[in-house]
């Protein structure tokens, strides 16, 4: 049995992919979206064709039934493939989960208890796990945590300089996120460099609507930009990234904003959206090309933050073999890649314009001391690989 069903359950969606390992071939994939709205959307692509339905999907249980119906219609028959495992993405594992974990009732309870650290993600992830365990009761379920790859951060990197009791009683520390992507991309980067992961130091830039950067020394993560929550670090689509904590106190006193107001503003109304009015990089580029100065400033702020982190992480690593772009923006936007690395030539990061426009995988200039790569991420494949390794 080498087929793994990967389930990524969000607050209003279930995205899934059936993968055959070790080839990584996607046997089928799809999504159930707009769960709980007046009209849901199911899309499924299987060996017997494609399915698309627009109909109400009341809850995640109904979404899972819709997924099974799509498999029955367009294949393959999940009962016939004898699933080796169901792999689930879980955003926050706290200090408890630092590796892929076989799901039990106790594990579900701990995931629920960590919801305060990831209120937008963990409850939805858990809901998908609970429904899937009912649908596939005889198949092992494996939780793969976004935070796990960053569990190797040394104490000096994950510790905030805050009162000791905050750390002891409330778990206040840096955890990091997008770990499955950083793990996969750092490993694939080593392969492109014709080396083993233990032999290279890489900086991975995961640039999507959410964005993070990691420093990976010899296959081990030693620094990352996100912290207690996914809010810290780079500028993102709607998240602010790094801000002075004093901003919160100032706005609480001067504008009378509540904790919920501030949470909403920094997570959902900041970042590119707050600077320019749009959170999609493609739309931002269109605005810039039409002369929009707010959009131009947004891109400058975004790329300046990336450049600053790259320089800082080169100092953390001491020696850097590669800087790697991945995720939606990192893989597809040549202008962002070039703008973000401009001025790093004296640090050995030298981009080749034509290679960058072609999209890689190697986009650095010949002879550049630091190789610059574009590596497509595959978080579902990483989850499936980790899940199969555990149950095997």
Protein backbone atom coordinates (compact mmCIF):
# COMPACT_ATOMS: atom_id res chain seq x y z
CA UNK A 1 0.00 0.00 0.00
CA UNK A 2 1.72 3.19 -1.18
CA UNK A 3 -1.17 5.61 -1.70
CA UNK A 4 -1.75 8.40 0.81
CA UNK A 5 -4.71 10.77 0.94
CA UNK A 6 -3.63 14.24 2.07
CA UNK A 7 -6.34 16.43 3.61
CA UNK A 8 -5.92 20.15 4.27
CA UNK A 9 -9.01 21.33 6.11
CA UNK A 10 -9.61 25.06 6.39
CA UNK A 11 -12.38 27.02 8.06
CA UNK A 12 -14.57 26.86 4.95
CA UNK A 13 -12.81 24.38 2.69
CA UNK A 14 -11.37 20.88 2.34
CA UNK A 15 -8.51 20.55 -0.13
CA UNK A 16 -7.24 17.06 -0.86
CA UNK A 17 -4.83 15.07 -3.00
CA UNK A 18 -4.37 11.32 -3.45
CA UNK A 19 -0.67 10.60 -4.00
CA UNK A 20 1.14 7.45 -5.05
CA UNK A 21 4.53 7.09 -3.41
CA UNK A 22 7.42 7.10 -3.86
CA UNK A 23 6.78 8.49 -7.37
CA UNK A 24 4.78 11.42 -6.01
CA UNK A 25 2.24 11.02 -8.80
CA UNK A 26 -1.08 12.75 -8.05
CA UNK A 27 -3.71 10.07 -8.75
CA UNK A 28 -6.52 12.52 -7.98
CA UNK A 29 -7.00 15.93 -6.41
CA UNK A 30 -9.73 18.40 -5.65
CA UNK A 31 -11.34 20.80 -3.24
CA UNK A 32 -14.64 21.45 -1.52
CA UNK A 33 -14.95 25.20 -1.00
CA UNK A 34 -17.42 27.69 0.48
CA UNK A 35 -18.54 25.25 3.16
CA UNK A 36 -21.43 26.69 5.12
CA UNK A 37 -22.31 29.28 2.47
CA UNK A 38 -25.44 29.40 0.32
CA UNK A 39 -23.60 27.78 -2.59
CA UNK A 40 -20.62 25.48 -2.19
CA UNK A 41 -18.19 24.49 -4.93
CA UNK A 42 -16.65 21.05 -5.48
CA UNK A 43 -13.94 20.43 -8.04
CA UNK A 44 -12.32 17.03 -8.55
CA UNK A 45 -9.91 15.66 -11.11
CA UNK A 46 -9.49 11.89 -11.26
CA UNK A 47 -8.45 9.22 -13.74
CA UNK A 48 -12.00 9.06 -15.19
CA UNK A 49 -12.34 12.79 -15.75
CA UNK A 50 -13.31 15.97 -13.95
CA UNK A 51 -16.25 16.77 -11.67
CA UNK A 52 -17.57 20.22 -10.80
CA UNK A 53 -20.63 20.83 -8.66
CA UNK A 54 -22.18 23.99 -7.23
CA UNK A 55 -24.53 23.16 -4.39
CA UNK A 56 -24.84 23.92 -0.68
CA UNK A 57 -22.34 22.14 1.56
CA UNK A 58 -23.65 22.49 5.10
CA UNK A 59 -20.55 21.50 7.08
CA UNK A 60 -17.28 19.59 6.91
CA UNK A 61 -19.05 16.24 7.24
CA UNK A 62 -21.12 17.10 4.17
CA UNK A 63 -17.93 18.25 2.46
CA UNK A 64 -16.26 14.91 3.12
CA UNK A 65 -19.30 13.08 1.72
CA UNK A 66 -19.14 15.28 -1.38
CA UNK A 67 -15.45 14.39 -1.77
CA UNK A 68 -16.24 10.66 -1.55
CA UNK A 69 -19.00 11.02 -4.14
CA UNK A 70 -16.55 12.73 -6.49
CA UNK A 71 -14.05 9.90 -6.04
CA UNK A 72 -16.82 7.41 -6.80
CA UNK A 73 -17.73 9.30 -9.98
CA UNK A 74 -14.32 10.21 -11.42
CA UNK A 75 -12.09 7.76 -9.58
CA UNK A 76 -10.30 6.14 -8.14
CA UNK A 77 -12.40 3.99 -5.81
CA UNK A 78 -10.94 4.76 -2.37
CA UNK A 79 -12.17 1.42 -1.03
CA UNK A 80 -10.20 -0.39 -3.73
CA UNK A 81 -6.88 1.45 -3.40
CA UNK A 82 -6.29 0.38 0.23
CA UNK A 83 -5.01 3.65 1.62
CA UNK A 84 -1.75 3.41 3.53
CA UNK A 85 -2.57 6.56 5.52
CA UNK A 86 -4.48 9.81 5.61
CA UNK A 87 -2.14 12.75 6.17
CA UNK A 88 -3.48 15.94 7.73
CA UNK A 89 -1.96 19.40 7.79
CA UNK A 90 -2.10 20.99 11.25
CA UNK A 91 -0.75 24.50 11.59
CA UNK A 92 0.32 24.68 15.25
CA UNK A 93 1.92 21.85 17.17
CA UNK A 94 3.25 23.94 20.04
CA UNK A 95 6.12 22.39 21.99
CA UNK A 96 4.32 19.04 22.19
CA UNK A 97 4.44 17.96 18.54
CA UNK A 98 7.82 18.20 16.86
CA UNK A 99 7.40 15.37 14.34
CA UNK A 100 4.62 13.65 12.37
CA UNK A 101 2.23 12.10 14.88
CA UNK A 102 -0.26 9.24 14.69
CA UNK A 103 -3.68 10.70 15.48
CA UNK A 104 -5.43 9.47 18.62
CA UNK A 105 -8.20 10.93 20.77
CA UNK A 106 -5.53 12.36 23.07
CA UNK A 107 -3.70 13.97 20.15
CA UNK A 108 -6.96 15.59 19.05
CA UNK A 109 -7.43 17.01 22.55
CA UNK A 110 -3.96 18.56 22.52
CA UNK A 111 -4.48 20.03 19.03
CA UNK A 112 -7.68 21.61 20.35
CA UNK A 113 -5.84 23.00 23.37
CA UNK A 114 -3.38 24.75 21.04
CA UNK A 115 -6.16 26.64 19.27
CA UNK A 116 -5.41 29.79 21.27
CA UNK A 117 -2.08 29.97 19.42
CA UNK A 118 -3.69 29.45 15.99
CA UNK A 119 -7.39 30.34 16.29
CA UNK A 120 -7.91 30.64 12.52
CA UNK A 121 -6.29 27.30 11.71
CA UNK A 122 -6.18 24.62 14.40
CA UNK A 123 -9.96 24.35 14.94
CA UNK A 124 -10.51 23.92 11.20
CA UNK A 125 -7.62 21.44 10.91
CA UNK A 126 -9.07 19.44 13.80
CA UNK A 127 -12.54 19.42 12.30
CA UNK A 128 -11.14 17.83 9.13
CA UNK A 129 -9.30 15.21 11.18
CA UNK A 130 -12.41 14.30 13.16
CA UNK A 131 -14.60 13.92 10.08
CA UNK A 132 -11.95 11.96 8.17
CA UNK A 133 -11.47 9.54 11.09
CA UNK A 134 -15.19 8.78 10.96
CA UNK A 135 -15.10 8.26 7.19
CA UNK A 136 -11.89 6.17 7.22
CA UNK A 137 -11.98 4.44 10.62
CA UNK A 138 -9.63 1.59 9.64
CA UNK A 139 -6.89 3.75 8.08
CA UNK A 140 -4.08 5.31 10.17
CA UNK A 141 -4.32 9.09 10.33
CA UNK A 142 -1.16 11.16 10.67
CA UNK A 143 -0.95 14.82 11.72
CA UNK A 144 1.91 16.76 10.12
CA UNK A 145 2.57 20.09 11.81
CA UNK A 146 3.66 23.35 10.18
CA UNK A 147 5.73 24.12 13.26
CA UNK A 148 7.61 20.81 13.42
CA UNK A 149 10.46 21.61 11.00
CA UNK A 150 11.32 24.64 13.13
CA UNK A 151 11.47 22.67 16.39
CA UNK A 152 15.26 22.54 15.89
CA UNK A 153 15.64 26.29 16.47
CA UNK A 154 18.31 26.74 19.17
CA UNK A 155 17.16 28.42 22.40
CA UNK A 156 18.83 31.72 21.50
CA UNK A 157 16.73 31.82 18.31
CA UNK A 158 13.35 30.76 19.69
CA UNK A 159 13.43 32.64 23.01
CA UNK A 160 11.82 36.06 23.35
CA UNK A 161 13.32 38.50 25.87
CA UNK A 162 10.11 38.66 27.91
CA UNK A 163 9.29 37.80 31.55
CA UNK A 164 10.15 34.22 32.38
CA UNK A 165 6.62 33.42 33.58
CA UNK A 166 5.19 34.26 30.13
CA UNK A 167 7.39 31.59 28.64
CA UNK A 168 6.70 29.04 31.37
CA UNK A 169 2.96 29.54 31.82
CA UNK A 170 1.73 30.65 28.40
CA UNK A 171 4.18 29.09 25.95
CA UNK A 172 5.41 32.44 24.66
CA UNK A 173 8.27 31.64 22.29
CA UNK A 174 8.97 31.53 18.56
CA UNK A 175 7.58 28.46 16.77
CA UNK A 176 7.70 29.27 13.04
CA UNK A 177 5.31 28.08 10.32
CA UNK A 178 5.21 26.84 6.70
CA UNK A 179 7.48 24.07 7.97
CA UNK A 180 6.41 21.42 5.45
CA UNK A 181 7.24 23.82 2.61
CA UNK A 182 10.62 24.80 4.08
CA UNK A 183 11.50 21.15 4.68
CA UNK A 184 10.60 20.08 1.15
CA UNK A 185 12.19 23.04 -0.64
CA UNK A 186 15.44 22.95 1.33
CA UNK A 187 15.80 19.25 0.51
CA UNK A 188 15.03 19.77 -3.20
CA UNK A 189 17.50 22.67 -3.28
CA UNK A 190 20.29 20.41 -2.05
CA UNK A 191 19.43 17.99 -4.83
CA UNK A 192 19.70 20.77 -7.43
CA UNK A 193 23.10 21.66 -6.00
CA UNK A 194 24.07 17.99 -6.40
CA UNK A 195 24.62 17.66 -2.67
CA UNK A 196 23.04 15.96 0.29
CA UNK A 197 20.94 18.17 2.61
CA UNK A 198 23.59 17.79 5.34
CA UNK A 199 26.20 19.36 3.08
CA UNK A 200 24.56 22.71 2.24
CA UNK A 201 23.32 25.88 3.91
CA UNK A 202 20.27 27.48 2.30
CA UNK A 203 17.93 30.39 2.87
CA UNK A 204 14.37 29.53 1.81
CA UNK A 205 11.97 32.35 0.92
CA UNK A 206 8.38 31.08 0.99
CA UNK A 207 6.56 34.03 -0.59
CA UNK A 208 2.82 33.60 -0.97
CA UNK A 209 -0.14 35.43 0.54
CA UNK A 210 1.51 34.30 3.76
CA UNK A 211 5.28 34.67 3.68
CA UNK A 212 8.19 33.40 5.74
CA UNK A 213 11.93 32.83 5.47
CA UNK A 214 14.11 30.18 7.07
CA UNK A 215 17.82 29.59 7.49
CA UNK A 216 18.62 25.88 7.08
CA UNK A 217 22.10 24.70 8.05
CA UNK A 218 22.95 21.17 6.92
CA UNK A 219 19.28 20.21 6.62
CA UNK A 220 18.41 21.61 10.07
CA UNK A 221 16.38 24.79 10.55
CA UNK A 222 18.27 27.24 12.77
CA UNK A 223 16.23 30.43 12.24
CA UNK A 224 12.85 31.45 10.82
CA UNK A 225 10.88 34.66 10.54
CA UNK A 226 7.44 33.74 11.92
CA UNK A 227 7.12 33.55 15.68
CA UNK A 228 4.50 32.66 18.28
CA UNK A 229 1.95 33.17 15.51
CA UNK A 230 2.19 33.59 11.72
CA UNK A 231 2.06 37.39 12.14
CA UNK A 232 5.77 38.03 12.74
CA UNK A 233 8.35 38.53 10.01
CA UNK A 234 7.94 39.45 6.36
CA UNK A 235 5.26 41.73 4.93
CA UNK A 236 2.42 39.53 3.65
CA UNK A 237 -0.81 39.85 1.70
CA UNK A 238 -2.89 41.05 4.66
CA UNK A 239 -0.52 40.61 7.63
CA UNK A 240 1.79 43.37 8.80
CA UNK A 241 4.83 41.28 9.62
CA UNK A 242 7.26 42.95 12.04
CA UNK A 243 5.96 46.04 13.83
CA UNK A 244 7.04 47.78 17.01
CA UNK A 245 4.89 46.28 19.82
CA UNK A 246 4.50 49.85 21.06
CA UNK A 247 2.22 50.51 18.07
CA UNK A 248 -0.41 48.34 19.78
CA UNK A 249 -0.24 50.31 23.04
CA UNK A 250 -0.30 53.62 21.18
CA UNK A 251 -3.42 52.70 19.19
CA UNK A 252 -5.10 51.24 22.25
CA UNK A 253 -4.65 54.55 24.09
CA UNK A 254 -4.96 57.05 21.24
CA UNK A 255 -7.65 55.42 19.08
CA UNK A 256 -9.43 53.31 21.70
CA UNK A 257 -9.03 50.14 19.63
CA UNK A 258 -9.82 46.88 21.37
CA UNK A 259 -7.65 43.78 21.35
CA UNK A 260 -9.97 42.24 18.74
CA UNK A 261 -9.79 45.42 16.62
CA UNK A 262 -5.99 45.31 16.66
CA UNK A 263 -5.88 41.58 15.97
CA UNK A 264 -8.16 42.02 12.97
CA UNK A 265 -6.23 45.02 11.64
CA UNK A 266 -2.77 43.46 11.87
CA UNK A 267 -3.82 40.06 10.52
CA UNK A 268 -6.47 40.93 7.92
CA UNK A 269 -6.17 44.61 6.96
CA UNK A 270 -2.42 45.25 6.91
CA UNK A 271 0.43 44.06 4.69
CA UNK A 272 0.09 44.78 0.98
CA UNK A 273 -3.65 45.33 1.47
CA UNK A 274 -3.12 48.03 4.06
CA UNK A 275 -0.46 49.77 1.98
CA UNK A 276 -2.08 49.60 -1.44
CA UNK A 277 -5.69 48.39 -1.22
CA UNK A 278 -4.92 45.01 -2.84
CA UNK A 279 -3.38 41.87 -1.37
CA UNK A 280 -2.64 39.98 -4.61
CA UNK A 281 0.86 40.62 -5.98
CA UNK A 282 -0.41 40.35 -9.56
CA UNK A 283 -2.91 43.13 -8.95
CA UNK A 284 -0.24 45.17 -7.20
CA UNK A 285 2.06 44.97 -10.24
CA UNK A 286 -0.80 46.14 -12.48
CA UNK A 287 -1.34 49.15 -10.24
CA UNK A 288 2.37 49.96 -10.32
CA UNK A 289 2.43 49.76 -14.12
CA UNK A 290 -0.48 52.22 -14.16
CA UNK A 291 1.47 54.70 -12.04
CA UNK A 292 0.00 54.04 -8.59
CA UNK A 293 2.48 55.40 -6.03
CA UNK A 294 0.91 53.62 -3.05
CA UNK A 295 1.39 50.33 -4.87
CA UNK A 296 4.99 51.20 -5.68
CA UNK A 297 5.70 51.96 -2.04
CA UNK A 298 4.04 48.66 -1.03
CA UNK A 299 6.36 46.71 -3.31
CA UNK A 300 9.39 48.64 -2.04
CA UNK A 301 8.45 47.89 1.59
CA UNK A 302 7.78 44.22 0.76
CA UNK A 303 11.10 43.70 -1.03
CA UNK A 304 13.11 45.72 1.49
CA UNK A 305 11.88 43.41 4.25
CA UNK A 306 12.85 40.32 2.22
CA UNK A 307 16.30 41.77 1.47
CA UNK A 308 16.85 42.62 5.14
CA UNK A 309 16.03 39.08 6.24
CA UNK A 310 18.26 37.53 3.56
CA UNK A 311 21.20 39.61 4.76
CA UNK A 312 20.49 38.78 8.40
CA UNK A 313 20.21 35.06 7.72
CA UNK A 314 23.43 35.05 5.74
CA UNK A 315 25.04 36.37 8.92
CA UNK A 316 23.30 33.64 10.98
CA UNK A 317 24.53 30.88 8.66
CA UNK A 318 28.04 32.22 8.25
CA UNK A 319 28.29 30.54 4.86
CA UNK A 320 25.37 30.41 2.41
CA UNK A 321 25.25 28.09 -0.58
CA UNK A 322 21.87 29.13 -1.98
CA UNK A 323 18.96 31.54 -1.66
CA UNK A 324 15.76 29.83 -2.78
CA UNK A 325 12.41 31.30 -3.84
CA UNK A 326 9.22 29.27 -3.56
CA UNK A 327 5.39 29.54 -3.24
CA UNK A 328 3.02 31.61 -5.39
CA UNK A 329 4.92 34.90 -5.49
CA UNK A 330 8.39 33.41 -5.16
CA UNK A 331 7.87 30.94 -8.00
CA UNK A 332 6.07 33.23 -10.43
CA UNK A 333 7.09 36.85 -9.98
CA UNK A 334 10.45 37.70 -11.55
CA UNK A 335 10.12 41.38 -10.66
CA UNK A 336 9.80 40.62 -6.95
CA UNK A 337 12.77 38.26 -7.05
CA UNK A 338 15.01 40.82 -8.76
CA UNK A 339 13.89 43.75 -6.63
CA UNK A 340 14.32 41.76 -3.40
CA UNK A 341 17.93 40.78 -4.14
CA UNK A 342 19.11 44.07 -5.64
CA UNK A 343 22.14 45.40 -3.78
CA UNK A 344 23.36 42.05 -2.42
CA UNK A 345 26.10 41.58 -4.99
CA UNK A 346 28.89 42.33 -2.53
CA UNK A 347 27.48 39.54 -0.34
CA UNK A 348 27.83 37.12 -3.24
CA UNK A 349 24.18 37.11 -4.36
CA UNK A 350 24.22 37.98 -8.06
CA UNK A 351 21.10 37.52 -10.17
CA UNK A 352 21.07 36.91 -13.92
CA UNK A 353 18.26 38.98 -15.47
CA UNK A 354 17.51 36.64 -18.37
CA UNK A 355 17.61 33.50 -16.24
CA UNK A 356 15.33 35.18 -13.74
CA UNK A 357 12.83 36.10 -16.45
CA UNK A 358 12.82 32.48 -17.65
CA UNK A 359 12.02 31.32 -14.13
CA UNK A 360 14.90 29.03 -13.26
CA UNK A 361 15.52 26.72 -11.57
CA UNK A 362 18.92 28.50 -11.47
CA UNK A 363 18.50 32.27 -11.75
CA UNK A 364 21.88 33.45 -10.43
CA UNK A 365 24.63 34.71 -12.70
CA UNK A 366 27.37 32.29 -13.76
CA UNK A 367 30.10 32.37 -11.13
CA UNK A 368 27.85 33.85 -8.43
CA UNK A 369 29.28 32.72 -5.06
CA UNK A 370 25.72 32.14 -3.82
CA UNK A 371 23.39 30.20 -6.11
CA UNK A 372 19.88 31.60 -6.45
CA UNK A 373 17.15 29.07 -7.18
CA UNK A 374 13.44 28.89 -7.90
CA UNK A 375 12.02 25.62 -6.51
CA UNK A 376 8.26 24.89 -6.66
CA UNK A 377 6.99 23.79 -3.28
CA UNK A 378 4.84 20.70 -2.77
CA UNK A 379 3.49 20.65 0.76
CA UNK A 380 1.03 17.84 0.00
CA UNK A 381 3.82 15.58 -1.22
CA UNK A 382 5.86 16.39 1.89
CA UNK A 383 2.90 15.56 4.15
CA UNK A 384 2.28 12.29 2.27
CA UNK A 385 5.97 11.34 2.47
CA UNK A 386 6.16 12.03 6.21
CA UNK A 387 2.87 10.20 6.86
CA UNK A 388 3.93 7.10 4.93
CA UNK A 389 7.33 7.04 6.62
CA UNK A 390 5.65 7.06 10.03
CA UNK A 391 3.12 4.31 9.37
CA UNK A 392 5.72 2.19 7.60
